[in-house]
Amino acid sequence: MSKIDKNATREPARRLDLRGVACPLNWARAKAALALMTSGELLELLVDDPRAPLDIPRAAEAEGHAVLSVKAGGPETPSPGSAGETSTILLEK
């Protein structure tokens, strides 16, 4: 029997495009969005700050949120003023 990833079929309640937003401001915006969400909802973040894939998950876990995935790269087109490769971070409140 194969194991099903229950998070693979769940849609994020909210998506934030934080490309072009540097740390720690990108975490501040994500934290504000999480504050408006209910427990169990998912938040998807698009980030391009090279520190974000490490810093945001650490900060989220420290605040008691679950980090479901961090994926480097993606099909998204870089936004004007972006710092680099886009990463996707999926958090659960």
PDB file of N, CA and C in Angstrom:
ATOM      1  N   MET A   1       0.852  -1.177   0.000  1.00  0.00           N
ATOM      2  CA  MET A   1       0.000   0.000   0.000  1.00  0.00           C
ATOM      3  C   MET A   1       0.896   1.238   0.000  1.00  0.00           C
ATOM      4  N   SER A   2       0.595   2.190  -0.879  1.00  0.00           N
ATOM      5  CA  SER A   2       1.410   3.400  -0.944  1.00  0.00           C
ATOM      6  C   SER A   2       0.893   4.434   0.046  1.00  0.00           C
ATOM      7  N   LYS A   3       1.817   5.217   0.538  1.00  0.00           N
ATOM      8  CA  LYS A   3       1.476   6.261   1.500  1.00  0.00           C
ATOM      9  C   LYS A   3       1.046   7.515   0.746  1.00  0.00           C
ATOM     10  N   ILE A   4      -0.064   8.105   1.143  1.00  0.00           N
ATOM     11  CA  ILE A   4      -0.583   9.310   0.502  1.00  0.00           C
ATOM     12  C   ILE A   4      -0.195  10.520   1.341  1.00  0.00           C
ATOM     13  N   ASP A   5       0.387  11.514   0.680  1.00  0.00           N
ATOM     14  CA  ASP A   5       0.737  12.762   1.350  1.00  0.00           C
ATOM     15  C   ASP A   5      -0.521  13.619   1.415  1.00  0.00           C
ATOM     16  N   LYS A   6      -1.111  13.745   2.617  1.00  0.00           N
ATOM     17  CA  LYS A   6      -2.360  14.499   2.759  1.00  0.00           C
ATOM     18  C   LYS A   6      -2.187  15.970   2.414  1.00  0.00           C
ATOM     19  N   ASN A   7      -0.969  16.496   2.497  1.00  0.00           N
ATOM     20  CA  ASN A   7      -0.728  17.898   2.183  1.00  0.00           C
ATOM     21  C   ASN A   7      -0.674  18.149   0.686  1.00  0.00           C
ATOM     22  N   ALA A   8      -0.435  17.092  -0.091  1.00  0.00           N
ATOM     23  CA  ALA A   8      -0.320  17.246  -1.539  1.00  0.00           C
ATOM     24  C   ALA A   8      -1.647  17.673  -2.157  1.00  0.00           C
ATOM     25  N   THR A   9      -2.758  17.307  -1.539  1.00  0.00           N
ATOM     26  CA  THR A   9      -4.063  17.626  -2.104  1.00  0.00           C
ATOM     27  C   THR A   9      -4.712  18.845  -1.449  1.00  0.00           C
ATOM     28  N   ARG A  10      -4.124  19.373  -0.410  1.00  0.00           N
ATOM     29  CA  ARG A  10      -4.681  20.536   0.276  1.00  0.00           C
ATOM     30  C   ARG A  10      -4.239  21.811  -0.430  1.00  0.00           C
ATOM     31  N   GLU A  11      -5.187  22.679  -0.679  1.00  0.00           N
ATOM     32  CA  GLU A  11      -4.884  23.966  -1.292  1.00  0.00           C
ATOM     33  C   GLU A  11      -4.590  24.990  -0.206  1.00  0.00           C
ATOM     34  N   PRO A  12      -3.596  25.831  -0.422  1.00  0.00           N
ATOM     35  CA  PRO A  12      -3.330  26.896   0.551  1.00  0.00           C
ATOM     36  C   PRO A  12      -4.523  27.841   0.660  1.00  0.00           C
ATOM     37  N   ALA A  13      -4.834  28.251   1.871  1.00  0.00           N
ATOM     38  CA  ALA A  13      -5.902  29.222   2.093  1.00  0.00           C
ATOM     39  C   ALA A  13      -5.473  30.590   1.582  1.00  0.00           C
ATOM     40  N   ARG A  14      -4.165  30.804   1.569  1.00  0.00           N
ATOM     41  CA  ARG A  14      -3.625  32.109   1.174  1.00  0.00           C
ATOM     42  C   ARG A  14      -2.264  31.924   0.512  1.00  0.00           C
ATOM     43  N   ARG A  15      -1.981  32.763  -0.476  1.00  0.00           N
ATOM     44  CA  ARG A  15      -0.674  32.772  -1.145  1.00  0.00           C
ATOM     45  C   ARG A  15      -0.124  34.191  -1.086  1.00  0.00           C
ATOM     46  N   LEU A  16       1.164  34.289  -0.767  1.00  0.00           N
ATOM     47  CA  LEU A  16       1.832  35.593  -0.742  1.00  0.00           C
ATOM     48  C   LEU A  16       3.016  35.575  -1.692  1.00  0.00           C
ATOM     49  N   ASP A  17       3.065  36.542  -2.595  1.00  0.00           N
ATOM     50  CA  ASP A  17       4.209  36.693  -3.485  1.00  0.00           C
ATOM     51  C   ASP A  17       5.142  37.704  -2.832  1.00  0.00           C
ATOM     52  N   LEU A  18       6.206  37.188  -2.232  1.00  0.00           N
ATOM     53  CA  LEU A  18       7.165  38.037  -1.522  1.00  0.00           C
ATOM     54  C   LEU A  18       8.470  38.187  -2.294  1.00  0.00           C
ATOM     55  N   ARG A  19       8.408  37.936  -3.596  1.00  0.00           N
ATOM     56  CA  ARG A  19       9.606  38.134  -4.423  1.00  0.00           C
ATOM     57  C   ARG A  19       9.939  39.617  -4.455  1.00  0.00           C
ATOM     58  N   GLY A  20      11.206  39.919  -4.264  1.00  0.00           N
ATOM     59  CA  GLY A  20      11.642  41.311  -4.219  1.00  0.00           C
ATOM     60  C   GLY A  20      11.592  41.907  -2.818  1.00  0.00           C
ATOM     61  N   VAL A  21      11.101  41.126  -1.842  1.00  0.00           N
ATOM     62  CA  VAL A  21      11.026  41.582  -0.450  1.00  0.00           C
ATOM     63  C   VAL A  21      12.132  40.887   0.336  1.00  0.00           C
ATOM     64  N   ALA A  22      13.016  41.657   0.950  1.00  0.00           N
ATOM     65  CA  ALA A  22      14.172  41.103   1.653  1.00  0.00           C
ATOM     66  C   ALA A  22      13.821  40.665   3.080  1.00  0.00           C
ATOM     67  N   CYS A  23      14.648  39.758   3.604  1.00  0.00           N
ATOM     68  CA  CYS A  23      14.560  39.370   5.016  1.00  0.00           C
ATOM     69  C   CYS A  23      14.979  40.577   5.850  1.00  0.00           C
ATOM     70  N   PRO A  24      14.387  40.827   6.969  1.00  0.00           N
ATOM     71  CA  PRO A  24      13.317  40.098   7.652  1.00  0.00           C
ATOM     72  C   PRO A  24      11.916  40.586   7.308  1.00  0.00           C
ATOM     73  N   LEU A  25      11.779  41.531   6.368  1.00  0.00           N
ATOM     74  CA  LEU A  25      10.455  42.055   6.039  1.00  0.00           C
ATOM     75  C   LEU A  25       9.548  40.972   5.451  1.00  0.00           C
ATOM     76  N   ASN A  26      10.130  40.028   4.693  1.00  0.00           N
ATOM     77  CA  ASN A  26       9.292  38.968   4.127  1.00  0.00           C
ATOM     78  C   ASN A  26       8.677  38.105   5.241  1.00  0.00           C
ATOM     79  N   TRP A  27       9.433  37.833   6.315  1.00  0.00           N
ATOM     80  CA  TRP A  27       8.871  37.086   7.427  1.00  0.00           C
ATOM     81  C   TRP A  27       7.810  37.911   8.153  1.00  0.00           C
ATOM     82  N   ALA A  28       8.018  39.203   8.305  1.00  0.00           N
ATOM     83  CA  ALA A  28       7.039  40.058   8.973  1.00  0.00           C
ATOM     84  C   ALA A  28       5.706  40.027   8.227  1.00  0.00           C
ATOM     85  N   ARG A  29       5.750  40.048   6.908  1.00  0.00           N
ATOM     86  CA  ARG A  29       4.516  39.988   6.119  1.00  0.00           C
ATOM     87  C   ARG A  29       3.860  38.616   6.218  1.00  0.00           C
ATOM     88  N   ALA A  30       4.672  37.561   6.209  1.00  0.00           N
ATOM     89  CA  ALA A  30       4.128  36.208   6.352  1.00  0.00           C
ATOM     90  C   ALA A  30       3.494  36.036   7.732  1.00  0.00           C
ATOM     91  N   LYS A  31       4.155  36.557   8.746  1.00  0.00           N
ATOM     92  CA  LYS A  31       3.652  36.454  10.120  1.00  0.00           C
ATOM     93  C   LYS A  31       2.314  37.192  10.256  1.00  0.00           C
ATOM     94  N   ALA A  32       2.200  38.346   9.626  1.00  0.00           N
ATOM     95  CA  ALA A  32       0.943  39.096   9.663  1.00  0.00           C
ATOM     96  C   ALA A  32      -0.177  38.311   8.978  1.00  0.00           C
ATOM     97  N   ALA A  33       0.145  37.656   7.874  1.00  0.00           N
ATOM     98  CA  ALA A  33      -0.856  36.843   7.176  1.00  0.00           C
ATOM     99  C   ALA A  33      -1.276  35.658   8.036  1.00  0.00           C
ATOM    100  N   LEU A  34      -0.319  35.003   8.681  1.00  0.00           N
ATOM    101  CA  LEU A  34      -0.628  33.868   9.549  1.00  0.00           C
ATOM    102  C   LEU A  34      -1.529  34.276  10.709  1.00  0.00           C
ATOM    103  N   ALA A  35      -1.341  35.481  11.207  1.00  0.00           N
ATOM    104  CA  ALA A  35      -2.141  35.966  12.332  1.00  0.00           C
ATOM    105  C   ALA A  35      -3.623  36.072  11.968  1.00  0.00           C
ATOM    106  N   LEU A  36      -3.922  36.251  10.691  1.00  0.00           N
ATOM    107  CA  LEU A  36      -5.304  36.378  10.231  1.00  0.00           C
ATOM    108  C   LEU A  36      -5.936  35.036   9.869  1.00  0.00           C
ATOM    109  N   MET A  37      -5.142  33.977   9.897  1.00  0.00           N
ATOM    110  CA  MET A  37      -5.607  32.657   9.488  1.00  0.00           C
ATOM    111  C   MET A  37      -6.030  31.823  10.697  1.00  0.00           C
ATOM    112  N   THR A  38      -6.796  30.769  10.442  1.00  0.00           N
ATOM    113  CA  THR A  38      -7.208  29.875  11.518  1.00  0.00           C
ATOM    114  C   THR A  38      -6.271  28.673  11.571  1.00  0.00           C
ATOM    115  N   SER A  39      -6.233  28.034  12.705  1.00  0.00           N
ATOM    116  CA  SER A  39      -5.366  26.877  12.905  1.00  0.00           C
ATOM    117  C   SER A  39      -5.668  25.793  11.863  1.00  0.00           C
ATOM    118  N   GLY A  40      -4.603  25.269  11.263  1.00  0.00           N
ATOM    119  CA  GLY A  40      -4.741  24.207  10.268  1.00  0.00           C
ATOM    120  C   GLY A  40      -4.727  24.707   8.835  1.00  0.00           C
ATOM    121  N   GLU A  41      -4.907  26.021   8.628  1.00  0.00           N
ATOM    122  CA  GLU A  41      -4.877  26.556   7.263  1.00  0.00           C
ATOM    123  C   GLU A  41      -3.438  26.620   6.757  1.00  0.00           C
ATOM    124  N   LEU A  42      -3.299  26.562   5.425  1.00  0.00           N
ATOM    125  CA  LEU A  42      -1.983  26.589   4.791  1.00  0.00           C
ATOM    126  C   LEU A  42      -1.713  27.951   4.169  1.00  0.00           C
ATOM    127  N   LEU A  43      -0.452  28.365   4.259  1.00  0.00           N
ATOM    128  CA  LEU A  43       0.029  29.608   3.651  1.00  0.00           C
ATOM    129  C   LEU A  43       1.190  29.259   2.741  1.00  0.00           C
ATOM    130  N   GLU A  44       1.079  29.651   1.478  1.00  0.00           N
ATOM    131  CA  GLU A  44       2.147  29.426   0.506  1.00  0.00           C
ATOM    132  C   GLU A  44       2.869  30.740   0.256  1.00  0.00           C
ATOM    133  N   LEU A  45       4.190  30.708   0.342  1.00  0.00           N
ATOM    134  CA  LEU A  45       5.017  31.897   0.139  1.00  0.00           C
ATOM    135  C   LEU A  45       5.914  31.706  -1.075  1.00  0.00           C
ATOM    136  N   LEU A  46       5.980  32.706  -1.936  1.00  0.00           N
ATOM    137  CA  LEU A  46       6.963  32.756  -3.014  1.00  0.00           C
ATOM    138  C   LEU A  46       8.007  33.769  -2.596  1.00  0.00           C
ATOM    139  N   VAL A  47       9.248  33.336  -2.497  1.00  0.00           N
ATOM    140  CA  VAL A  47      10.330  34.203  -2.032  1.00  0.00           C
ATOM    141  C   VAL A  47      11.526  34.086  -2.966  1.00  0.00           C
ATOM    142  N   ASP A  48      12.323  35.141  -3.030  1.00  0.00           N
ATOM    143  CA  ASP A  48      13.542  35.068  -3.831  1.00  0.00           C
ATOM    144  C   ASP A  48      14.769  35.593  -3.085  1.00  0.00           C
ATOM    145  N   ASP A  49      14.592  35.990  -1.841  1.00  0.00           N
ATOM    146  CA  ASP A  49      15.746  36.364  -1.023  1.00  0.00           C
ATOM    147  C   ASP A  49      16.502  35.067  -0.710  1.00  0.00           C
ATOM    148  N   PRO A  50      17.807  35.005  -0.969  1.00  0.00           N
ATOM    149  CA  PRO A  50      18.557  33.769  -0.755  1.00  0.00           C
ATOM    150  C   PRO A  50      18.521  33.252   0.685  1.00  0.00           C
ATOM    151  N   ARG A  51      18.261  34.140   1.651  1.00  0.00           N
ATOM    152  CA  ARG A  51      18.213  33.712   3.058  1.00  0.00           C
ATOM    153  C   ARG A  51      16.853  33.168   3.468  1.00  0.00           C
ATOM    154  N   ALA A  52      15.821  33.507   2.711  1.00  0.00           N
ATOM    155  CA  ALA A  52      14.452  33.165   3.090  1.00  0.00           C
ATOM    156  C   ALA A  52      14.194  31.660   3.278  1.00  0.00           C
ATOM    157  N   PRO A  53      14.695  30.767   2.395  1.00  0.00           N
ATOM    158  CA  PRO A  53      14.410  29.340   2.599  1.00  0.00           C
ATOM    159  C   PRO A  53      14.974  28.777   3.909  1.00  0.00           C
ATOM    160  N   LEU A  54      15.920  29.457   4.514  1.00  0.00           N
ATOM    161  CA  LEU A  54      16.438  29.037   5.820  1.00  0.00           C
ATOM    162  C   LEU A  54      15.798  29.835   6.954  1.00  0.00           C
ATOM    163  N   ASP A  55      15.720  31.146   6.773  1.00  0.00           N
ATOM    164  CA  ASP A  55      15.261  32.022   7.855  1.00  0.00           C
ATOM    165  C   ASP A  55      13.771  31.915   8.143  1.00  0.00           C
ATOM    166  N   ILE A  56      12.947  31.874   7.101  1.00  0.00           N
ATOM    167  CA  ILE A  56      11.499  31.838   7.322  1.00  0.00           C
ATOM    168  C   ILE A  56      11.064  30.540   8.003  1.00  0.00           C
ATOM    169  N   PRO A  57      11.520  29.367   7.557  1.00  0.00           N
ATOM    170  CA  PRO A  57      11.126  28.144   8.274  1.00  0.00           C
ATOM    171  C   PRO A  57      11.548  28.140   9.749  1.00  0.00           C
ATOM    172  N   ARG A  58      12.748  28.637  10.034  1.00  0.00           N
ATOM    173  CA  ARG A  58      13.201  28.710  11.438  1.00  0.00           C
ATOM    174  C   ARG A  58      12.290  29.606  12.263  1.00  0.00           C
ATOM    175  N   ALA A  59      11.977  30.778  11.718  1.00  0.00           N
ATOM    176  CA  ALA A  59      11.122  31.719  12.432  1.00  0.00           C
ATOM    177  C   ALA A  59       9.710  31.154  12.597  1.00  0.00           C
ATOM    178  N   ALA A  60       9.198  30.491  11.565  1.00  0.00           N
ATOM    179  CA  ALA A  60       7.848  29.920  11.636  1.00  0.00           C
ATOM    180  C   ALA A  60       7.770  28.834  12.706  1.00  0.00           C
ATOM    181  N   GLU A  61       8.762  27.955  12.737  1.00  0.00           N
ATOM    182  CA  GLU A  61       8.774  26.899  13.750  1.00  0.00           C
ATOM    183  C   GLU A  61       8.905  27.479  15.152  1.00  0.00           C
ATOM    184  N   ALA A  62       9.697  28.531  15.299  1.00  0.00           N
ATOM    185  CA  ALA A  62       9.865  29.169  16.601  1.00  0.00           C
ATOM    186  C   ALA A  62       8.544  29.770  17.095  1.00  0.00           C
ATOM    187  N   GLU A  63       7.667  30.140  16.154  1.00  0.00           N
ATOM    188  CA  GLU A  63       6.362  30.715  16.492  1.00  0.00           C
ATOM    189  C   GLU A  63       5.289  29.634  16.645  1.00  0.00           C
ATOM    190  N   GLY A  64       5.666  28.358  16.422  1.00  0.00           N
ATOM    191  CA  GLY A  64       4.721  27.259  16.594  1.00  0.00           C
ATOM    192  C   GLY A  64       3.991  26.821  15.337  1.00  0.00           C
ATOM    193  N   HIS A  65       4.422  27.291  14.179  1.00  0.00           N
ATOM    194  CA  HIS A  65       3.807  26.888  12.912  1.00  0.00           C
ATOM    195  C   HIS A  65       4.567  25.704  12.334  1.00  0.00           C
ATOM    196  N   ALA A  66       3.887  24.906  11.517  1.00  0.00           N
ATOM    197  CA  ALA A  66       4.520  23.749  10.878  1.00  0.00           C
ATOM    198  C   ALA A  66       5.034  24.142   9.501  1.00  0.00           C
ATOM    199  N   VAL A  67       6.257  23.701   9.185  1.00  0.00           N
ATOM    200  CA  VAL A  67       6.828  23.899   7.855  1.00  0.00           C
ATOM    201  C   VAL A  67       6.591  22.601   7.093  1.00  0.00           C
ATOM    202  N   LEU A  68       5.727  22.653   6.078  1.00  0.00           N
ATOM    203  CA  LEU A  68       5.372  21.448   5.333  1.00  0.00           C
ATOM    204  C   LEU A  68       6.308  21.188   4.170  1.00  0.00           C
ATOM    205  N   SER A  69       6.813  22.257   3.550  1.00  0.00           N
ATOM    206  CA  SER A  69       7.771  22.064   2.457  1.00  0.00           C
ATOM    207  C   SER A  69       8.507  23.360   2.154  1.00  0.00           C
ATOM    208  N   VAL A  70       9.715  23.171   1.642  1.00  0.00           N
ATOM    209  CA  VAL A  70      10.534  24.270   1.123  1.00  0.00           C
ATOM    210  C   VAL A  70      11.095  23.756  -0.191  1.00  0.00           C
ATOM    211  N   LYS A  71      10.696  24.384  -1.293  1.00  0.00           N
ATOM    212  CA  LYS A  71      11.127  23.943  -2.621  1.00  0.00           C
ATOM    213  C   LYS A  71      11.890  25.063  -3.304  1.00  0.00           C
ATOM    214  N   ALA A  72      13.115  24.772  -3.683  1.00  0.00           N
ATOM    215  CA  ALA A  72      13.935  25.751  -4.396  1.00  0.00           C
ATOM    216  C   ALA A  72      13.580  25.709  -5.875  1.00  0.00           C
ATOM    217  N   GLY A  73      13.650  26.860  -6.480  1.00  0.00           N
ATOM    218  CA  GLY A  73      13.386  26.939  -7.911  1.00  0.00           C
ATOM    219  C   GLY A  73      11.918  26.785  -8.215  1.00  0.00           C
ATOM    220  N   GLY A  74      11.575  26.980  -9.451  1.00  0.00           N
ATOM    221  CA  GLY A  74      10.186  26.828  -9.850  1.00  0.00           C
ATOM    222  C   GLY A  74       9.940  27.487 -11.178  1.00  0.00           C
ATOM    223  N   PRO A  75       8.744  27.296 -11.706  1.00  0.00           N
ATOM    224  CA  PRO A  75       8.434  27.823 -13.035  1.00  0.00           C
ATOM    225  C   PRO A  75       8.117  29.310 -13.047  1.00  0.00           C
ATOM    226  N   GLU A  76       8.032  29.936 -11.857  1.00  0.00           N
ATOM    227  CA  GLU A  76       7.657  31.335 -11.796  1.00  0.00           C
ATOM    228  C   GLU A  76       8.708  32.220 -12.464  1.00  0.00           C
ATOM    229  N   THR A  77       8.226  33.239 -13.129  1.00  0.00           N
ATOM    230  CA  THR A  77       9.109  34.213 -13.752  1.00  0.00           C
ATOM    231  C   THR A  77       9.594  35.179 -12.683  1.00  0.00           C
ATOM    232  N   PRO A  78      10.889  35.478 -12.654  1.00  0.00           N
ATOM    233  CA  PRO A  78      11.379  36.429 -11.652  1.00  0.00           C
ATOM    234  C   PRO A  78      10.676  37.769 -11.781  1.00  0.00           C
ATOM    235  N   SER A  79      10.349  38.346 -10.633  1.00  0.00           N
ATOM    236  CA  SER A  79       9.698  39.647 -10.644  1.00  0.00           C
ATOM    237  C   SER A  79      10.751  40.740 -10.786  1.00  0.00           C
ATOM    238  N   PRO A  80      10.348  41.930 -11.254  1.00  0.00           N
ATOM    239  CA  PRO A  80      11.310  43.029 -11.357  1.00  0.00           C
ATOM    240  C   PRO A  80      11.936  43.323  -9.992  1.00  0.00           C
ATOM    241  N   GLY A  81      13.240  43.449  -9.963  1.00  0.00           N
ATOM    242  CA  GLY A  81      13.941  43.733  -8.719  1.00  0.00           C
ATOM    243  C   GLY A  81      14.157  42.513  -7.846  1.00  0.00           C
ATOM    244  N   SER A  82      13.874  41.323  -8.377  1.00  0.00           N
ATOM    245  CA  SER A  82      14.039  40.116  -7.567  1.00  0.00           C
ATOM    246  C   SER A  82      15.510  39.832  -7.328  1.00  0.00           C
ATOM    247  N   ALA A  83      15.766  39.150  -6.208  1.00  0.00           N
ATOM    248  CA  ALA A  83      17.143  38.895  -5.794  1.00  0.00           C
ATOM    249  C   ALA A  83      17.723  37.623  -6.405  1.00  0.00           C
ATOM    250  N   GLY A  84      16.893  36.726  -6.877  1.00  0.00           N
ATOM    251  CA  GLY A  84      17.429  35.484  -7.419  1.00  0.00           C
ATOM    252  C   GLY A  84      16.350  34.470  -7.698  1.00  0.00           C
ATOM    253  N   GLU A  85      16.706  33.194  -7.516  1.00  0.00           N
ATOM    254  CA  GLU A  85      15.815  32.079  -7.803  1.00  0.00           C
ATOM    255  C   GLU A  85      14.617  32.084  -6.838  1.00  0.00           C
ATOM    256  N   THR A  86      13.452  31.805  -7.389  1.00  0.00           N
ATOM    257  CA  THR A  86      12.241  31.755  -6.575  1.00  0.00           C
ATOM    258  C   THR A  86      12.148  30.432  -5.844  1.00  0.00           C
ATOM    259  N   SER A  87      11.831  30.492  -4.562  1.00  0.00           N
ATOM    260  CA  SER A  87      11.567  29.305  -3.746  1.00  0.00           C
ATOM    261  C   SER A  87      10.134  29.391  -3.241  1.00  0.00           C
ATOM    262  N   THR A  88       9.542  28.233  -2.993  1.00  0.00           N
ATOM    263  CA  THR A  88       8.189  28.155  -2.458  1.00  0.00           C
ATOM    264  C   THR A  88       8.250  27.533  -1.075  1.00  0.00           C
ATOM    265  N   ILE A  89       7.625  28.180  -0.104  1.00  0.00           N
ATOM    266  CA  ILE A  89       7.585  27.693   1.270  1.00  0.00           C
ATOM    267  C   ILE A  89       6.113  27.492   1.625  1.00  0.00           C
ATOM    268  N   LEU A  90       5.790  26.306   2.156  1.00  0.00           N
ATOM    269  CA  LEU A  90       4.425  26.006   2.555  1.00  0.00           C
ATOM    270  C   LEU A  90       4.381  25.843   4.062  1.00  0.00           C
ATOM    271  N   LEU A  91       3.571  26.692   4.707  1.00  0.00           N
ATOM    272  CA  LEU A  91       3.442  26.697   6.159  1.00  0.00           C
ATOM    273  C   LEU A  91       2.021  26.333   6.555  1.00  0.00           C
ATOM    274  N   GLU A  92       1.896  25.682   7.714  1.00  0.00           N
ATOM    275  CA  GLU A  92       0.588  25.412   8.288  1.00  0.00           C
ATOM    276  C   GLU A  92       0.511  26.136   9.609  1.00  0.00           C
ATOM    277  N   LYS A  93      -0.562  26.891   9.792  1.00  0.00           N
ATOM    278  CA  LYS A  93      -0.728  27.614  11.059  1.00  0.00           C
ATOM    279  C   LYS A  93      -1.092  26.622  12.150  1.00  0.00           C
TER     280      LYS A  93
END
